[in-house]
Amino acid sequence: MNIGFEPSMELHGHSRHAIQLMNRGGEKMAELNSDARLDLGGGSSWGYISLLDSAGNESMLFDGNRGSIGLGDWSGNRVMFLDPNAGDGGKYSALFLGEGKAGIAVLRNKAGNESITR
């Protein structure tokens, strides 16, 4: 498939078994290969996956540039955020709960019983 003069999608059958999507400059932005692996981003682009609910609100966000994961509630407000680069940019990780609501953390043991609740 071509948009303008640059190919925007390539299908590799025999040797690579992959589907690739490129930006206007020809850089690979996404690849789905036969190992059931989906790669997004790379080069000058960053991988970003946003899952929307039936109302169009972002319910899950995976940010490949930051390495973070965010979860939203039914109204689209972020209620949980995992940031592996919190603090000084690498020494700490942080899990933020609540975001405008009461945050409750429950840790369970391998039997599924609550071991710590905060």
C-alpha atoms as a PDB file:
ATOM      1  CA  MET A   1       0.000   0.000   0.000  1.00  0.00           C
ATOM      2  CA  ASN A   2       1.414   3.396  -0.920  1.00  0.00           C
ATOM      3  CA  ILE A   3       0.464   6.815   0.392  1.00  0.00           C
ATOM      4  CA  GLY A   4       2.229   9.453  -1.678  1.00  0.00           C
ATOM      5  CA  PHE A   5       5.548   8.155  -2.964  1.00  0.00           C
ATOM      6  CA  GLU A   6       6.793   6.253   0.084  1.00  0.00           C
ATOM      7  CA  PRO A   7       5.532   2.746   0.948  1.00  0.00           C
ATOM      8  CA  SER A   8       3.550   2.840   4.196  1.00  0.00           C
ATOM      9  CA  MET A   9       3.061  -0.897   4.643  1.00  0.00           C
ATOM     10  CA  GLU A  10       5.174  -3.898   3.653  1.00  0.00           C
ATOM     11  CA  LEU A  11       4.227  -7.568   3.778  1.00  0.00           C
ATOM     12  CA  HIS A  12       7.183  -9.924   4.155  1.00  0.00           C
ATOM     13  CA  GLY A  13       6.226 -13.491   3.335  1.00  0.00           C
ATOM     14  CA  HIS A  14       8.941 -16.061   2.710  1.00  0.00           C
ATOM     15  CA  SER A  15      11.974 -14.738   4.573  1.00  0.00           C
ATOM     16  CA  ARG A  16      10.687 -12.487   7.386  1.00  0.00           C
ATOM     17  CA  HIS A  17       7.028 -13.434   7.871  1.00  0.00           C
ATOM     18  CA  ALA A  18       6.095  -9.958   9.095  1.00  0.00           C
ATOM     19  CA  ILE A  19       3.852  -6.981   8.462  1.00  0.00           C
ATOM     20  CA  GLN A  20       5.542  -3.610   8.867  1.00  0.00           C
ATOM     21  CA  LEU A  21       4.079  -0.091   9.022  1.00  0.00           C
ATOM     22  CA  MET A  22       6.322   2.857   8.197  1.00  0.00           C
ATOM     23  CA  ASN A  23       6.019   6.604   8.706  1.00  0.00           C
ATOM     24  CA  ARG A  24       6.312   9.076   5.828  1.00  0.00           C
ATOM     25  CA  GLY A  25      10.097   9.057   6.139  1.00  0.00           C
ATOM     26  CA  GLY A  26      10.253   5.290   5.666  1.00  0.00           C
ATOM     27  CA  GLU A  27      11.108   4.482   9.312  1.00  0.00           C
ATOM     28  CA  LYS A  28       9.497   1.353  10.751  1.00  0.00           C
ATOM     29  CA  MET A  29       6.837   2.354  13.290  1.00  0.00           C
ATOM     30  CA  ALA A  30       5.263  -1.063  13.927  1.00  0.00           C
ATOM     31  CA  GLU A  31       5.886  -4.697  13.092  1.00  0.00           C
ATOM     32  CA  LEU A  32       3.797  -7.807  13.646  1.00  0.00           C
ATOM     33  CA  ASN A  33       5.828 -10.950  13.043  1.00  0.00           C
ATOM     34  CA  SER A  34       5.088 -14.658  12.846  1.00  0.00           C
ATOM     35  CA  ASP A  35       6.334 -15.197  16.419  1.00  0.00           C
ATOM     36  CA  ALA A  36       3.168 -13.333  17.573  1.00  0.00           C
ATOM     37  CA  ARG A  37       5.306 -10.364  18.580  1.00  0.00           C
ATOM     38  CA  LEU A  38       4.117  -6.800  18.089  1.00  0.00           C
ATOM     39  CA  ASP A  39       6.808  -4.121  18.152  1.00  0.00           C
ATOM     40  CA  LEU A  40       5.837  -0.447  18.274  1.00  0.00           C
ATOM     41  CA  GLY A  41       8.133   2.544  18.037  1.00  0.00           C
ATOM     42  CA  GLY A  42      11.873   2.707  17.652  1.00  0.00           C
ATOM     43  CA  GLY A  43      14.029   5.212  15.832  1.00  0.00           C
ATOM     44  CA  SER A  44      12.481   8.659  16.106  1.00  0.00           C
ATOM     45  CA  SER A  45       9.109   7.183  17.137  1.00  0.00           C
ATOM     46  CA  TRP A  46       8.032   5.870  20.532  1.00  0.00           C
ATOM     47  CA  GLY A  47       5.641   3.006  21.184  1.00  0.00           C
ATOM     48  CA  TYR A  48       2.329   3.967  22.735  1.00  0.00           C
ATOM     49  CA  ILE A  49      -0.735   1.765  23.209  1.00  0.00           C
ATOM     50  CA  SER A  50      -4.004   3.273  24.355  1.00  0.00           C
ATOM     51  CA  LEU A  51      -7.019   1.023  24.992  1.00  0.00           C
ATOM     52  CA  LEU A  52     -10.371   2.780  24.936  1.00  0.00           C
ATOM     53  CA  ASP A  53     -13.606   1.729  26.579  1.00  0.00           C
ATOM     54  CA  SER A  54     -17.008   1.772  24.842  1.00  0.00           C
ATOM     55  CA  ALA A  55     -17.435   5.485  25.734  1.00  0.00           C
ATOM     56  CA  GLY A  56     -14.120   6.362  24.075  1.00  0.00           C
ATOM     57  CA  ASN A  57     -12.302   6.996  27.366  1.00  0.00           C
ATOM     58  CA  GLU A  58      -8.729   5.801  27.785  1.00  0.00           C
ATOM     59  CA  SER A  59      -8.916   2.834  30.145  1.00  0.00           C
ATOM     60  CA  MET A  60      -5.344   1.535  29.773  1.00  0.00           C
ATOM     61  CA  LEU A  61      -2.210   3.304  28.607  1.00  0.00           C
ATOM     62  CA  PHE A  62       1.163   1.706  27.879  1.00  0.00           C
ATOM     63  CA  ASP A  63       3.837   4.321  27.208  1.00  0.00           C
ATOM     64  CA  GLY A  64       6.954   2.800  25.658  1.00  0.00           C
ATOM     65  CA  ASN A  65       8.944   6.017  25.895  1.00  0.00           C
ATOM     66  CA  ARG A  66       8.513   6.358  29.685  1.00  0.00           C
ATOM     67  CA  GLY A  67       8.034   2.653  30.374  1.00  0.00           C
ATOM     68  CA  SER A  68       4.894   3.490  32.343  1.00  0.00           C
ATOM     69  CA  ILE A  69       1.412   1.959  32.633  1.00  0.00           C
ATOM     70  CA  GLY A  70      -1.733   3.894  33.513  1.00  0.00           C
ATOM     71  CA  LEU A  71      -5.241   2.612  34.252  1.00  0.00           C
ATOM     72  CA  GLY A  72      -8.424   4.663  34.112  1.00  0.00           C
ATOM     73  CA  ASP A  73     -11.859   4.284  35.673  1.00  0.00           C
ATOM     74  CA  TRP A  74     -15.221   4.210  33.875  1.00  0.00           C
ATOM     75  CA  SER A  75     -15.273   8.011  33.541  1.00  0.00           C
ATOM     76  CA  GLY A  76     -11.795   8.226  31.999  1.00  0.00           C
ATOM     77  CA  ASN A  77      -9.966   9.470  35.093  1.00  0.00           C
ATOM     78  CA  ARG A  78      -6.578   7.907  35.768  1.00  0.00           C
ATOM     79  CA  VAL A  79      -6.796   5.887  38.994  1.00  0.00           C
ATOM     80  CA  MET A  80      -3.544   3.937  38.911  1.00  0.00           C
ATOM     81  CA  PHE A  81      -0.142   4.756  37.478  1.00  0.00           C
ATOM     82  CA  LEU A  82       3.021   2.643  37.515  1.00  0.00           C
ATOM     83  CA  ASP A  83       6.125   4.717  36.903  1.00  0.00           C
ATOM     84  CA  PRO A  84       9.429   2.799  36.906  1.00  0.00           C
ATOM     85  CA  ASN A  85      11.380   6.071  36.669  1.00  0.00           C
ATOM     86  CA  ALA A  86       9.876   7.984  39.605  1.00  0.00           C
ATOM     87  CA  GLY A  87      12.027  10.105  41.856  1.00  0.00           C
ATOM     88  CA  ASP A  88      15.408  10.948  40.409  1.00  0.00           C
ATOM     89  CA  GLY A  89      14.720   9.299  37.062  1.00  0.00           C
ATOM     90  CA  GLY A  90      15.852   5.747  37.628  1.00  0.00           C
ATOM     91  CA  LYS A  91      16.725   5.008  41.234  1.00  0.00           C
ATOM     92  CA  TYR A  92      13.114   4.468  42.338  1.00  0.00           C
ATOM     93  CA  SER A  93       9.897   3.003  40.968  1.00  0.00           C
ATOM     94  CA  ALA A  94       6.476   4.144  42.084  1.00  0.00           C
ATOM     95  CA  LEU A  95       2.919   2.874  41.975  1.00  0.00           C
ATOM     96  CA  PHE A  96       0.402   5.674  42.408  1.00  0.00           C
ATOM     97  CA  LEU A  97      -3.105   4.657  43.508  1.00  0.00           C
ATOM     98  CA  GLY A  98      -6.152   6.824  43.902  1.00  0.00           C
ATOM     99  CA  GLU A  99      -5.514   9.904  41.768  1.00  0.00           C
ATOM    100  CA  GLY A 100      -8.440  11.793  43.303  1.00  0.00           C
ATOM    101  CA  LYS A 101      -9.947   8.770  45.043  1.00  0.00           C
ATOM    102  CA  ALA A 102      -8.972   6.816  48.125  1.00  0.00           C
ATOM    103  CA  GLY A 103      -6.068   4.567  47.155  1.00  0.00           C
ATOM    104  CA  ILE A 104      -5.969   1.108  48.662  1.00  0.00           C
ATOM    105  CA  ALA A 105      -3.080  -1.301  48.152  1.00  0.00           C
ATOM    106  CA  VAL A 106      -3.553  -4.978  48.913  1.00  0.00           C
ATOM    107  CA  LEU A 107      -0.653  -7.415  48.747  1.00  0.00           C
ATOM    108  CA  ARG A 108      -1.515 -11.095  48.667  1.00  0.00           C
ATOM    109  CA  ASN A 109       0.596 -14.156  49.423  1.00  0.00           C
ATOM    110  CA  LYS A 110       0.904 -17.090  47.036  1.00  0.00           C
ATOM    111  CA  ALA A 111      -2.281 -18.639  48.507  1.00  0.00           C
ATOM    112  CA  GLY A 112      -4.209 -15.480  47.587  1.00  0.00           C
ATOM    113  CA  ASN A 113      -4.706 -14.300  51.159  1.00  0.00           C
ATOM    114  CA  GLU A 114      -4.179 -10.642  52.083  1.00  0.00           C
ATOM    115  CA  SER A 115      -0.767 -10.168  53.705  1.00  0.00           C
ATOM    116  CA  ILE A 116      -0.564  -6.351  53.737  1.00  0.00           C
ATOM    117  CA  THR A 117      -3.372  -3.789  53.276  1.00  0.00           C
ATOM    118  CA  ARG A 118      -2.717  -0.041  53.267  1.00  0.00           C
END
